[in-house]
C-alpha atoms as a PDB file:
ATOM      1  CA  UNK A   1     177.102 118.116  31.041  1.00  0.00           C
ATOM      2  CA  UNK A   2     176.543 114.567  29.760  1.00  0.00           C
ATOM      3  CA  UNK A   3     179.585 113.365  31.695  1.00  0.00           C
ATOM      4  CA  UNK A   4     178.370 114.897  34.932  1.00  0.00           C
ATOM      5  CA  UNK A   5     174.906 113.416  34.413  1.00  0.00           C
ATOM      6  CA  UNK A   6     176.343 109.925  33.854  1.00  0.00           C
ATOM      7  CA  UNK A   7     178.478 110.301  36.969  1.00  0.00           C
ATOM      8  CA  UNK A   8     175.391 111.287  38.956  1.00  0.00           C
ATOM      9  CA  UNK A   9     173.441 108.281  37.665  1.00  0.00           C
ATOM     10  CA  UNK A  10     176.339 105.960  38.461  1.00  0.00           C
ATOM     11  CA  UNK A  11     176.522 107.367  41.969  1.00  0.00           C
ATOM     12  CA  UNK A  12     172.764 106.837  42.392  1.00  0.00           C
ATOM     13  CA  UNK A  13     172.972 103.188  41.237  1.00  0.00           C
ATOM     14  CA  UNK A  14     175.855 102.458  43.614  1.00  0.00           C
ATOM     15  CA  UNK A  15     173.997 104.141  46.440  1.00  0.00           C
ATOM     16  CA  UNK A  16     170.848 102.124  45.801  1.00  0.00           C
ATOM     17  CA  UNK A  17     172.819  98.865  45.706  1.00  0.00           C
ATOM     18  CA  UNK A  18     174.562  99.731  48.956  1.00  0.00           C
ATOM     19  CA  UNK A  19     171.250 100.746  50.568  1.00  0.00           C
ATOM     20  CA  UNK A  20     169.619  97.472  49.582  1.00  0.00           C
ATOM     21  CA  UNK A  21     172.558  95.404  50.798  1.00  0.00           C
ATOM     22  CA  UNK A  22     172.450  97.051  54.205  1.00  0.00           C
ATOM     23  CA  UNK A  23     168.960  95.746  55.000  1.00  0.00           C
ATOM     24  CA  UNK A  24     167.860  92.125  55.426  1.00  0.00           C
ATOM     25  CA  UNK A  25     165.345  90.537  53.099  1.00  0.00           C
ATOM     26  CA  UNK A  26     161.825  91.290  54.323  1.00  0.00           C
ATOM     27  CA  UNK A  27     160.039  88.249  55.793  1.00  0.00           C
ATOM     28  CA  UNK A  28     157.365  88.279  53.088  1.00  0.00           C
ATOM     29  CA  UNK A  29     160.092  88.138  50.416  1.00  0.00           C
ATOM     30  CA  UNK A  30     161.995  85.254  52.027  1.00  0.00           C
ATOM     31  CA  UNK A  31     162.195  82.018  50.026  1.00  0.00           C
ATOM     32  CA  UNK A  32     163.309  78.533  51.005  1.00  0.00           C
ATOM     33  CA  UNK A  33     165.506  76.254  48.928  1.00  0.00           C
ATOM     34  CA  UNK A  34     162.349  74.579  47.605  1.00  0.00           C
ATOM     35  CA  UNK A  35     161.017  71.023  47.600  1.00  0.00           C
ATOM     36  CA  UNK A  36     158.834  69.191  50.095  1.00  0.00           C
ATOM     37  CA  UNK A  37     159.011  69.750  53.833  1.00  0.00           C
ATOM     38  CA  UNK A  38     157.298  66.799  55.542  1.00  0.00           C
ATOM     39  CA  UNK A  39     155.868  67.608  58.966  1.00  0.00           C
ATOM     40  CA  UNK A  40     154.433  65.016  61.355  1.00  0.00           C
ATOM     41  CA  UNK A  41     151.187  66.143  62.977  1.00  0.00           C
ATOM     42  CA  UNK A  42     148.267  64.647  64.882  1.00  0.00           C
ATOM     43  CA  UNK A  43     144.994  64.640  62.910  1.00  0.00           C
ATOM     44  CA  UNK A  44     143.053  63.781  66.083  1.00  0.00           C
ATOM     45  CA  UNK A  45     144.610  66.785  67.842  1.00  0.00           C
ATOM     46  CA  UNK A  46     145.554  70.355  67.052  1.00  0.00           C
ATOM     47  CA  UNK A  47     147.032  70.433  63.551  1.00  0.00           C
ATOM     48  CA  UNK A  48     145.240  73.632  62.643  1.00  0.00           C
ATOM     49  CA  UNK A  49     148.243  75.866  61.829  1.00  0.00           C
ATOM     50  CA  UNK A  50     149.639  73.272  59.422  1.00  0.00           C
ATOM     51  CA  UNK A  51     146.370  72.891  57.548  1.00  0.00           C
ATOM     52  CA  UNK A  52     146.074  76.682  57.453  1.00  0.00           C
ATOM     53  CA  UNK A  53     149.503  76.942  55.824  1.00  0.00           C
ATOM     54  CA  UNK A  54     148.304  74.649  53.039  1.00  0.00           C
ATOM     55  CA  UNK A  55     144.888  76.279  52.658  1.00  0.00           C
ATOM     56  CA  UNK A  56     146.321  79.785  52.362  1.00  0.00           C
ATOM     57  CA  UNK A  57     149.229  78.700  50.183  1.00  0.00           C
ATOM     58  CA  UNK A  58     151.757  80.049  52.659  1.00  0.00           C
ATOM     59  CA  UNK A  59     154.197  77.270  51.808  1.00  0.00           C
ATOM     60  CA  UNK A  60     154.204  78.406  48.179  1.00  0.00           C
ATOM     61  CA  UNK A  61     154.569  81.998  49.306  1.00  0.00           C
ATOM     62  CA  UNK A  62     157.756  81.150  51.165  1.00  0.00           C
ATOM     63  CA  UNK A  63     159.171  78.834  48.536  1.00  0.00           C
ATOM     64  CA  UNK A  64     158.563  75.255  49.715  1.00  0.00           C
ATOM     65  CA  UNK A  65     155.856  72.595  49.620  1.00  0.00           C
ATOM     66  CA  UNK A  66     154.398  71.490  52.946  1.00  0.00           C
ATOM     67  CA  UNK A  67     153.328  67.874  53.331  1.00  0.00           C
ATOM     68  CA  UNK A  68     151.361  67.107  56.490  1.00  0.00           C
ATOM     69  CA  UNK A  69     152.088  63.533  57.570  1.00  0.00           C
ATOM     70  CA  UNK A  70     149.505  62.066  59.954  1.00  0.00           C
ATOM     71  CA  UNK A  71     150.971  60.149  62.885  1.00  0.00           C
ATOM     72  CA  UNK A  72     149.956  59.121  66.390  1.00  0.00           C
ATOM     73  CA  UNK A  73     151.669  60.992  69.251  1.00  0.00           C
ATOM     74  CA  UNK A  74     154.576  59.294  70.973  1.00  0.00           C
ATOM     75  CA  UNK A  75     157.042  56.774  69.620  1.00  0.00           C
ATOM     76  CA  UNK A  76     155.734  56.786  66.028  1.00  0.00           C
ATOM     77  CA  UNK A  77     156.855  60.377  65.487  1.00  0.00           C
ATOM     78  CA  UNK A  78     160.330  59.700  66.861  1.00  0.00           C
ATOM     79  CA  UNK A  79     160.702  56.587  64.718  1.00  0.00           C
ATOM     80  CA  UNK A  80     159.664  58.490  61.584  1.00  0.00           C
ATOM     81  CA  UNK A  81     162.177  61.261  62.214  1.00  0.00           C
ATOM     82  CA  UNK A  82     164.964  58.789  62.925  1.00  0.00           C
ATOM     83  CA  UNK A  83     164.179  56.957  59.687  1.00  0.00           C
ATOM     84  CA  UNK A  84     164.232  60.176  57.678  1.00  0.00           C
ATOM     85  CA  UNK A  85     160.557  59.769  56.794  1.00  0.00           C
ATOM     86  CA  UNK A  86     159.957  63.403  57.740  1.00  0.00           C
ATOM     87  CA  UNK A  87     161.996  66.552  58.177  1.00  0.00           C
ATOM     88  CA  UNK A  88     160.190  67.740  61.282  1.00  0.00           C
ATOM     89  CA  UNK A  89     157.178  67.158  63.452  1.00  0.00           C
ATOM     90  CA  UNK A  90     155.355  67.661  66.709  1.00  0.00           C
ATOM     91  CA  UNK A  91     157.275  66.523  69.774  1.00  0.00           C
ATOM     92  CA  UNK A  92     156.917  67.630  73.360  1.00  0.00           C
ATOM     93  CA  UNK A  93     160.039  68.988  75.028  1.00  0.00           C
ATOM     94  CA  UNK A  94     160.547  65.835  77.107  1.00  0.00           C
ATOM     95  CA  UNK A  95     160.515  63.680  73.956  1.00  0.00           C
ATOM     96  CA  UNK A  96     163.121  65.964  72.378  1.00  0.00           C
ATOM     97  CA  UNK A  97     165.204  65.726  75.554  1.00  0.00           C
ATOM     98  CA  UNK A  98     165.013  61.925  75.567  1.00  0.00           C
ATOM     99  CA  UNK A  99     166.046  61.489  71.948  1.00  0.00           C
ATOM    100  CA  UNK A 100     168.932  63.948  72.361  1.00  0.00           C
ATOM    101  CA  UNK A 101     170.083  62.082  75.456  1.00  0.00           C
ATOM    102  CA  UNK A 102     170.038  58.990  73.265  1.00  0.00           C
ATOM    103  CA  UNK A 103     172.306  60.658  70.709  1.00  0.00           C
ATOM    104  CA  UNK A 104     169.675  61.671  68.127  1.00  0.00           C
ATOM    105  CA  UNK A 105     170.295  65.068  66.574  1.00  0.00           C
ATOM    106  CA  UNK A 106     166.791  66.539  66.766  1.00  0.00           C
ATOM    107  CA  UNK A 107     166.010  70.016  68.074  1.00  0.00           C
ATOM    108  CA  UNK A 108     162.939  72.194  68.619  1.00  0.00           C
ATOM    109  CA  UNK A 109     162.824  75.211  66.304  1.00  0.00           C
ATOM    110  CA  UNK A 110     159.347  76.480  67.226  1.00  0.00           C
ATOM    111  CA  UNK A 111     157.062  76.340  70.232  1.00  0.00           C
ATOM    112  CA  UNK A 112     153.668  74.911  69.315  1.00  0.00           C
ATOM    113  CA  UNK A 113     151.299  74.859  72.278  1.00  0.00           C
ATOM    114  CA  UNK A 114     151.105  75.376  76.008  1.00  0.00           C
ATOM    115  CA  UNK A 115     149.729  72.566  78.149  1.00  0.00           C
ATOM    116  CA  UNK A 116     146.238  72.271  76.609  1.00  0.00           C
ATOM    117  CA  UNK A 117     144.711  68.978  77.681  1.00  0.00           C
ATOM    118  CA  UNK A 118     142.220  67.878  80.312  1.00  0.00           C
ATOM    119  CA  UNK A 119     141.033  65.084  82.592  1.00  0.00           C
ATOM    120  CA  UNK A 120     137.384  64.221  82.074  1.00  0.00           C
ATOM    121  CA  UNK A 121     134.891  61.846  83.683  1.00  0.00           C
ATOM    122  CA  UNK A 122     131.230  60.938  83.190  1.00  0.00           C
ATOM    123  CA  UNK A 123     128.872  63.567  84.564  1.00  0.00           C
ATOM    124  CA  UNK A 124     127.542  60.990  87.025  1.00  0.00           C
ATOM    125  CA  UNK A 125     130.999  60.222  88.444  1.00  0.00           C
ATOM    126  CA  UNK A 126     131.585  60.911  92.120  1.00  0.00           C
ATOM    127  CA  UNK A 127     135.096  62.142  91.231  1.00  0.00           C
ATOM    128  CA  UNK A 128     135.278  65.930  91.348  1.00  0.00           C
ATOM    129  CA  UNK A 129     139.001  66.611  91.321  1.00  0.00           C
ATOM    130  CA  UNK A 130     142.444  64.982  91.272  1.00  0.00           C
ATOM    131  CA  UNK A 131     142.258  63.192  94.660  1.00  0.00           C
ATOM    132  CA  UNK A 132     138.905  61.782  93.579  1.00  0.00           C
ATOM    133  CA  UNK A 133     140.711  59.645  90.974  1.00  0.00           C
ATOM    134  CA  UNK A 134     142.449  57.526  93.589  1.00  0.00           C
ATOM    135  CA  UNK A 135     141.545  53.881  93.106  1.00  0.00           C
ATOM    136  CA  UNK A 136     139.764  54.459  89.779  1.00  0.00           C
ATOM    137  CA  UNK A 137     140.525  53.293  86.235  1.00  0.00           C
ATOM    138  CA  UNK A 138     142.207  56.202  84.476  1.00  0.00           C
ATOM    139  CA  UNK A 139     143.168  56.336  80.800  1.00  0.00           C
ATOM    140  CA  UNK A 140     145.976  58.272  79.156  1.00  0.00           C
ATOM    141  CA  UNK A 141     147.142  58.649  75.586  1.00  0.00           C
ATOM    142  CA  UNK A 142     150.791  58.757  76.700  1.00  0.00           C
ATOM    143  CA  UNK A 143     152.354  57.801  80.058  1.00  0.00           C
ATOM    144  CA  UNK A 144     155.490  59.810  79.285  1.00  0.00           C
ATOM    145  CA  UNK A 145     154.079  63.162  78.224  1.00  0.00           C
ATOM    146  CA  UNK A 146     154.970  65.982  80.659  1.00  0.00           C
ATOM    147  CA  UNK A 147     151.294  66.612  81.421  1.00  0.00           C
ATOM    148  CA  UNK A 148     150.768  63.050  82.638  1.00  0.00           C
ATOM    149  CA  UNK A 149     153.989  63.024  84.635  1.00  0.00           C
ATOM    150  CA  UNK A 150     152.920  66.341  86.158  1.00  0.00           C
ATOM    151  CA  UNK A 151     149.695  64.642  87.247  1.00  0.00           C
ATOM    152  CA  UNK A 152     151.757  61.912  88.950  1.00  0.00           C
ATOM    153  CA  UNK A 153     153.936  64.520  90.645  1.00  0.00           C
ATOM    154  CA  UNK A 154     151.038  66.558  92.033  1.00  0.00           C
ATOM    155  CA  UNK A 155     149.135  63.443  93.149  1.00  0.00           C
ATOM    156  CA  UNK A 156     152.168  62.249  95.132  1.00  0.00           C
ATOM    157  CA  UNK A 157     153.382  65.565  96.541  1.00  0.00           C
ATOM    158  CA  UNK A 158     150.048  67.216  97.299  1.00  0.00           C
ATOM    159  CA  UNK A 159     147.604  64.366  97.863  1.00  0.00           C
ATOM    160  CA  UNK A 160     149.865  61.542  99.036  1.00  0.00           C
ATOM    161  CA  UNK A 161     149.054  58.832  96.512  1.00  0.00           C
ATOM    162  CA  UNK A 162     150.766  57.373  93.471  1.00  0.00           C
ATOM    163  CA  UNK A 163     148.383  56.795  90.538  1.00  0.00           C
ATOM    164  CA  UNK A 164     150.770  54.199  89.109  1.00  0.00           C
ATOM    165  CA  UNK A 165     150.156  51.852  92.033  1.00  0.00           C
ATOM    166  CA  UNK A 166     146.949  53.157  93.625  1.00  0.00           C
ATOM    167  CA  UNK A 167     144.880  53.542  90.474  1.00  0.00           C
ATOM    168  CA  UNK A 168     144.550  51.388  87.362  1.00  0.00           C
ATOM    169  CA  UNK A 169     146.202  53.163  84.421  1.00  0.00           C
ATOM    170  CA  UNK A 170     145.396  52.203  80.834  1.00  0.00           C
ATOM    171  CA  UNK A 171     147.259  53.671  77.871  1.00  0.00           C
ATOM    172  CA  UNK A 172     145.457  53.972  74.527  1.00  0.00           C
ATOM    173  CA  UNK A 173     145.264  56.178  71.447  1.00  0.00           C
ATOM    174  CA  UNK A 174     143.426  59.494  71.903  1.00  0.00           C
ATOM    175  CA  UNK A 175     140.428  58.418  69.826  1.00  0.00           C
ATOM    176  CA  UNK A 176     140.146  55.031  71.535  1.00  0.00           C
ATOM    177  CA  UNK A 177     139.914  56.661  74.962  1.00  0.00           C
ATOM    178  CA  UNK A 178     136.519  58.113  74.005  1.00  0.00           C
ATOM    179  CA  UNK A 179     135.200  54.656  73.202  1.00  0.00           C
ATOM    180  CA  UNK A 180     136.546  53.189  76.433  1.00  0.00           C
ATOM    181  CA  UNK A 181     134.814  55.928  78.411  1.00  0.00           C
ATOM    182  CA  UNK A 182     131.530  55.437  76.548  1.00  0.00           C
ATOM    183  CA  UNK A 183     131.745  51.685  77.209  1.00  0.00           C
ATOM    184  CA  UNK A 184     132.426  52.404  80.898  1.00  0.00           C
ATOM    185  CA  UNK A 185     135.734  50.567  80.764  1.00  0.00           C
ATOM    186  CA  UNK A 186     137.369  53.694  82.169  1.00  0.00           C
ATOM    187  CA  UNK A 187     136.272  55.965  85.027  1.00  0.00           C
ATOM    188  CA  UNK A 188     138.255  58.943  83.749  1.00  0.00           C
ATOM    189  CA  UNK A 189     140.718  59.851  81.014  1.00  0.00           C
ATOM    190  CA  UNK A 190     143.474  62.312  80.273  1.00  0.00           C
ATOM    191  CA  UNK A 191     142.565  63.274  76.738  1.00  0.00           C
ATOM    192  CA  UNK A 192     143.152  65.783  73.923  1.00  0.00           C
ATOM    193  CA  UNK A 193     141.139  68.933  74.523  1.00  0.00           C
ATOM    194  CA  UNK A 194     139.615  68.865  71.024  1.00  0.00           C
ATOM    195  CA  UNK A 195     138.163  65.424  71.813  1.00  0.00           C
ATOM    196  CA  UNK A 196     137.052  66.458  75.302  1.00  0.00           C
ATOM    197  CA  UNK A 197     135.132  69.632  74.408  1.00  0.00           C
ATOM    198  CA  UNK A 198     132.508  67.927  72.194  1.00  0.00           C
ATOM    199  CA  UNK A 199     132.109  65.211  74.855  1.00  0.00           C
ATOM    200  CA  UNK A 200     131.472  67.816  77.557  1.00  0.00           C
ATOM    201  CA  UNK A 201     129.031  69.644  75.254  1.00  0.00           C
ATOM    202  CA  UNK A 202     126.812  66.535  75.144  1.00  0.00           C
ATOM    203  CA  UNK A 203     126.165  66.932  78.859  1.00  0.00           C
ATOM    204  CA  UNK A 204     127.364  63.387  79.513  1.00  0.00           C
ATOM    205  CA  UNK A 205     130.898  64.315  80.627  1.00  0.00           C
ATOM    206  CA  UNK A 206     132.593  66.904  82.799  1.00  0.00           C
ATOM    207  CA  UNK A 207     136.087  68.362  83.039  1.00  0.00           C
ATOM    208  CA  UNK A 208     137.698  67.500  86.364  1.00  0.00           C
ATOM    209  CA  UNK A 209     140.801  69.644  85.884  1.00  0.00           C
ATOM    210  CA  UNK A 210     143.220  70.808  83.219  1.00  0.00           C
ATOM    211  CA  UNK A 211     146.935  70.202  82.981  1.00  0.00           C
ATOM    212  CA  UNK A 212     147.551  73.914  83.532  1.00  0.00           C
ATOM    213  CA  UNK A 213     145.563  73.717  86.785  1.00  0.00           C
ATOM    214  CA  UNK A 214     148.265  71.350  88.033  1.00  0.00           C
ATOM    215  CA  UNK A 215     150.926  74.057  87.671  1.00  0.00           C
ATOM    216  CA  UNK A 216     149.329  76.176  90.387  1.00  0.00           C
ATOM    217  CA  UNK A 217     151.575  76.537  93.396  1.00  0.00           C
ATOM    218  CA  UNK A 218     154.681  75.251  91.571  1.00  0.00           C
ATOM    219  CA  UNK A 219     155.999  78.718  90.658  1.00  0.00           C
ATOM    220  CA  UNK A 220     156.024  77.681  87.000  1.00  0.00           C
ATOM    221  CA  UNK A 221     154.228  79.891  84.453  1.00  0.00           C
ATOM    222  CA  UNK A 222     151.072  78.388  82.960  1.00  0.00           C
ATOM    223  CA  UNK A 223     152.312  79.685  79.606  1.00  0.00           C
ATOM    224  CA  UNK A 224     155.175  77.165  79.613  1.00  0.00           C
ATOM    225  CA  UNK A 225     155.525  75.331  76.315  1.00  0.00           C
ATOM    226  CA  UNK A 226     154.475  71.697  76.088  1.00  0.00           C
ATOM    227  CA  UNK A 227     154.839  70.732  72.428  1.00  0.00           C
ATOM    228  CA  UNK A 228     157.306  72.003  69.855  1.00  0.00           C
ATOM    229  CA  UNK A 229     157.912  71.653  66.155  1.00  0.00           C
ATOM    230  CA  UNK A 230     161.223  69.794  66.059  1.00  0.00           C
ATOM    231  CA  UNK A 231     163.501  69.227  63.063  1.00  0.00           C
ATOM    232  CA  UNK A 232     166.358  66.881  62.286  1.00  0.00           C
ATOM    233  CA  UNK A 233     169.583  68.828  62.634  1.00  0.00           C
ATOM    234  CA  UNK A 234     171.022  67.340  59.449  1.00  0.00           C
ATOM    235  CA  UNK A 235     168.108  68.875  57.547  1.00  0.00           C
ATOM    236  CA  UNK A 236     168.624  72.220  59.287  1.00  0.00           C
ATOM    237  CA  UNK A 237     172.254  72.181  58.121  1.00  0.00           C
ATOM    238  CA  UNK A 238     171.479  71.244  54.503  1.00  0.00           C
ATOM    239  CA  UNK A 239     168.246  73.231  54.081  1.00  0.00           C
ATOM    240  CA  UNK A 240     168.434  76.177  56.500  1.00  0.00           C
ATOM    241  CA  UNK A 241     166.277  78.405  54.282  1.00  0.00           C
ATOM    242  CA  UNK A 242     163.494  75.821  54.107  1.00  0.00           C
ATOM    243  CA  UNK A 243     163.400  75.589  57.895  1.00  0.00           C
ATOM    244  CA  UNK A 244     163.311  79.379  58.196  1.00  0.00           C
ATOM    245  CA  UNK A 245     160.614  79.509  55.494  1.00  0.00           C
ATOM    246  CA  UNK A 246     158.529  76.963  57.402  1.00  0.00           C
ATOM    247  CA  UNK A 247     158.870  79.045  60.576  1.00  0.00           C
ATOM    248  CA  UNK A 248     157.661  82.167  58.771  1.00  0.00           C
ATOM    249  CA  UNK A 249     154.729  80.317  57.205  1.00  0.00           C
ATOM    250  CA  UNK A 250     153.767  78.824  60.575  1.00  0.00           C
ATOM    251  CA  UNK A 251     153.897  82.190  62.345  1.00  0.00           C
ATOM    252  CA  UNK A 252     151.770  83.822  59.650  1.00  0.00           C
ATOM    253  CA  UNK A 253     149.246  80.974  59.895  1.00  0.00           C
ATOM    254  CA  UNK A 254     148.992  81.408  63.683  1.00  0.00           C
ATOM    255  CA  UNK A 255     148.429  85.150  63.253  1.00  0.00           C
ATOM    256  CA  UNK A 256     145.703  84.458  60.683  1.00  0.00           C
ATOM    257  CA  UNK A 257     143.971  81.964  62.978  1.00  0.00           C
ATOM    258  CA  UNK A 258     143.957  84.536  65.777  1.00  0.00           C
ATOM    259  CA  UNK A 259     142.173  87.149  63.654  1.00  0.00           C
ATOM    260  CA  UNK A 260     139.802  85.151  61.429  1.00  0.00           C
ATOM    261  CA  UNK A 261     136.800  83.235  62.751  1.00  0.00           C
ATOM    262  CA  UNK A 262     135.421  81.682  59.566  1.00  0.00           C
ATOM    263  CA  UNK A 263     138.353  79.340  58.888  1.00  0.00           C
ATOM    264  CA  UNK A 264     137.726  77.561  62.188  1.00  0.00           C
ATOM    265  CA  UNK A 265     134.409  76.187  60.956  1.00  0.00           C
ATOM    266  CA  UNK A 266     136.160  74.454  58.063  1.00  0.00           C
ATOM    267  CA  UNK A 267     139.113  73.207  60.111  1.00  0.00           C
ATOM    268  CA  UNK A 268     136.962  71.769  62.882  1.00  0.00           C
ATOM    269  CA  UNK A 269     134.445  70.224  60.500  1.00  0.00           C
ATOM    270  CA  UNK A 270     137.151  67.775  59.406  1.00  0.00           C
ATOM    271  CA  UNK A 271     137.133  66.507  63.003  1.00  0.00           C
ATOM    272  CA  UNK A 272     133.308  66.285  62.966  1.00  0.00           C
ATOM    273  CA  UNK A 273     133.003  69.368  65.186  1.00  0.00           C
ATOM    274  CA  UNK A 274     130.141  71.428  63.754  1.00  0.00           C
ATOM    275  CA  UNK A 275     128.028  72.518  66.728  1.00  0.00           C
ATOM    276  CA  UNK A 276     128.418  76.356  66.737  1.00  0.00           C
ATOM    277  CA  UNK A 277     128.898  76.483  70.514  1.00  0.00           C
ATOM    278  CA  UNK A 278     131.606  73.832  70.419  1.00  0.00           C
ATOM    279  CA  UNK A 279     133.268  75.503  67.426  1.00  0.00           C
ATOM    280  CA  UNK A 280     133.452  78.772  69.366  1.00  0.00           C
ATOM    281  CA  UNK A 281     134.794  76.988  72.450  1.00  0.00           C
ATOM    282  CA  UNK A 282     137.402  75.093  70.429  1.00  0.00           C
ATOM    283  CA  UNK A 283     138.446  78.206  68.526  1.00  0.00           C
ATOM    284  CA  UNK A 284     138.968  80.237  71.699  1.00  0.00           C
ATOM    285  CA  UNK A 285     140.722  77.406  73.563  1.00  0.00           C
ATOM    286  CA  UNK A 286     143.015  76.729  70.603  1.00  0.00           C
ATOM    287  CA  UNK A 287     143.879  80.388  70.193  1.00  0.00           C
ATOM    288  CA  UNK A 288     144.760  80.587  73.868  1.00  0.00           C
ATOM    289  CA  UNK A 289     147.093  77.572  73.902  1.00  0.00           C
ATOM    290  CA  UNK A 290     148.810  78.016  70.520  1.00  0.00           C
ATOM    291  CA  UNK A 291     152.230  79.648  70.646  1.00  0.00           C
ATOM    292  CA  UNK A 292     154.056  81.674  68.019  1.00  0.00           C
ATOM    293  CA  UNK A 293     157.443  82.426  69.577  1.00  0.00           C
ATOM    294  CA  UNK A 294     159.673  81.042  72.316  1.00  0.00           C
ATOM    295  CA  UNK A 295     159.706  82.668  75.731  1.00  0.00           C
ATOM    296  CA  UNK A 296     162.831  84.593  76.730  1.00  0.00           C
ATOM    297  CA  UNK A 297     164.431  81.507  78.287  1.00  0.00           C
ATOM    298  CA  UNK A 298     162.597  78.265  77.460  1.00  0.00           C
ATOM    299  CA  UNK A 299     165.406  76.125  78.861  1.00  0.00           C
ATOM    300  CA  UNK A 300     165.198  77.789  82.288  1.00  0.00           C
ATOM    301  CA  UNK A 301     161.427  77.266  82.479  1.00  0.00           C
ATOM    302  CA  UNK A 302     161.674  73.711  81.232  1.00  0.00           C
ATOM    303  CA  UNK A 303     164.403  72.782  83.690  1.00  0.00           C
ATOM    304  CA  UNK A 304     162.307  74.013  86.585  1.00  0.00           C
ATOM    305  CA  UNK A 305     159.424  71.810  85.467  1.00  0.00           C
ATOM    306  CA  UNK A 306     161.716  68.864  84.750  1.00  0.00           C
ATOM    307  CA  UNK A 307     163.204  69.058  88.251  1.00  0.00           C
ATOM    308  CA  UNK A 308     159.673  68.920  89.694  1.00  0.00           C
ATOM    309  CA  UNK A 309     158.735  65.908  87.579  1.00  0.00           C
ATOM    310  CA  UNK A 310     161.993  64.083  88.286  1.00  0.00           C
ATOM    311  CA  UNK A 311     161.718  64.659  92.050  1.00  0.00           C
ATOM    312  CA  UNK A 312     158.326  62.942  92.045  1.00  0.00           C
ATOM    313  CA  UNK A 313     158.800  60.123  89.547  1.00  0.00           C
ATOM    314  CA  UNK A 314     162.526  59.760  88.911  1.00  0.00           C
ATOM    315  CA  UNK A 315     163.863  58.282  85.687  1.00  0.00           C
ATOM    316  CA  UNK A 316     160.987  55.810  85.540  1.00  0.00           C
ATOM    317  CA  UNK A 317     158.636  58.730  84.825  1.00  0.00           C
ATOM    318  CA  UNK A 318     160.876  61.072  82.822  1.00  0.00           C
ATOM    319  CA  UNK A 319     163.065  58.570  80.976  1.00  0.00           C
ATOM    320  CA  UNK A 320     166.228  60.585  81.671  1.00  0.00           C
ATOM    321  CA  UNK A 321     168.172  61.811  84.688  1.00  0.00           C
ATOM    322  CA  UNK A 322     168.878  65.303  83.401  1.00  0.00           C
ATOM    323  CA  UNK A 323     168.122  67.588  80.475  1.00  0.00           C
ATOM    324  CA  UNK A 324     170.720  67.502  77.688  1.00  0.00           C
ATOM    325  CA  UNK A 325     171.895  70.614  75.870  1.00  0.00           C
ATOM    326  CA  UNK A 326     170.452  71.634  72.540  1.00  0.00           C
ATOM    327  CA  UNK A 327     166.777  70.892  73.136  1.00  0.00           C
ATOM    328  CA  UNK A 328     165.809  74.295  71.752  1.00  0.00           C
ATOM    329  CA  UNK A 329     167.163  76.169  68.732  1.00  0.00           C
ATOM    330  CA  UNK A 330     165.700  79.623  69.306  1.00  0.00           C
ATOM    331  CA  UNK A 331     167.737  81.426  66.641  1.00  0.00           C
ATOM    332  CA  UNK A 332     165.686  80.283  63.647  1.00  0.00           C
ATOM    333  CA  UNK A 333     162.407  81.768  64.878  1.00  0.00           C
ATOM    334  CA  UNK A 334     163.782  85.182  65.861  1.00  0.00           C
END
């Protein structure tokens, strides 16, 4: 009797071990290798998921410590990643393509946002749309971001003018563009949406068009990714669990931001956005543009857009002649 009971218990233990081994670790039980994961983000732009990870303690939940590193968009982020000053950060797909073409081992592991930004002008401006910008002084925070190059492409192909030679283009930091507009040193600016919305709410500025408006007629989905969270591949190889843990924390933060309204008041207050109407507008716009997972074939979509941009501006506008392999690592976020 005792022998048969022991045999039954032994069988049950073996069965339980086998059952457990046959199923993957649940996402909420996943843990990284530990230590800091430094992520480059833009405090003047949308860094809301990263701050939500910290606020909710999602980094601790998944076994790492997130450090948000403030940086200006563009070359500063690339330089920091190359120098090993961060493990990952925000980079648009064209930036990732350029650095990979240059031999840097950096790859996008998460989509971050669709094309979110806008072109604005003073309410009194005679400009009403894209062709109305011909001959004017136009500001941009980055002459090499896909949104700006898309603007060049549509201006040339649809309206027959090249903003690079038939308008005056001034490049400046996102925050500085607001000052240049207020001082009437610019007639219009391509600017972060979270800076534009409060400006429009004052009644002194208007939105001429959005970057997603420019995709109309190009047979390219308006849901196409603009910015990614990219990581150094050497870090992915040495700390694969930390990268996976970051992905899980990010996705949970995005889900939380979609369902909870109150947190937006706190997040936006740090950018001096407190007007309830603007908070609601920013919350809804941000929810709409923020991505959680890659599309079925991000490379196919991106190549179609790249071909359009290259046909209009060539290497001078895109920085490369063709897209290199390895821009996206979609396995980690599955």
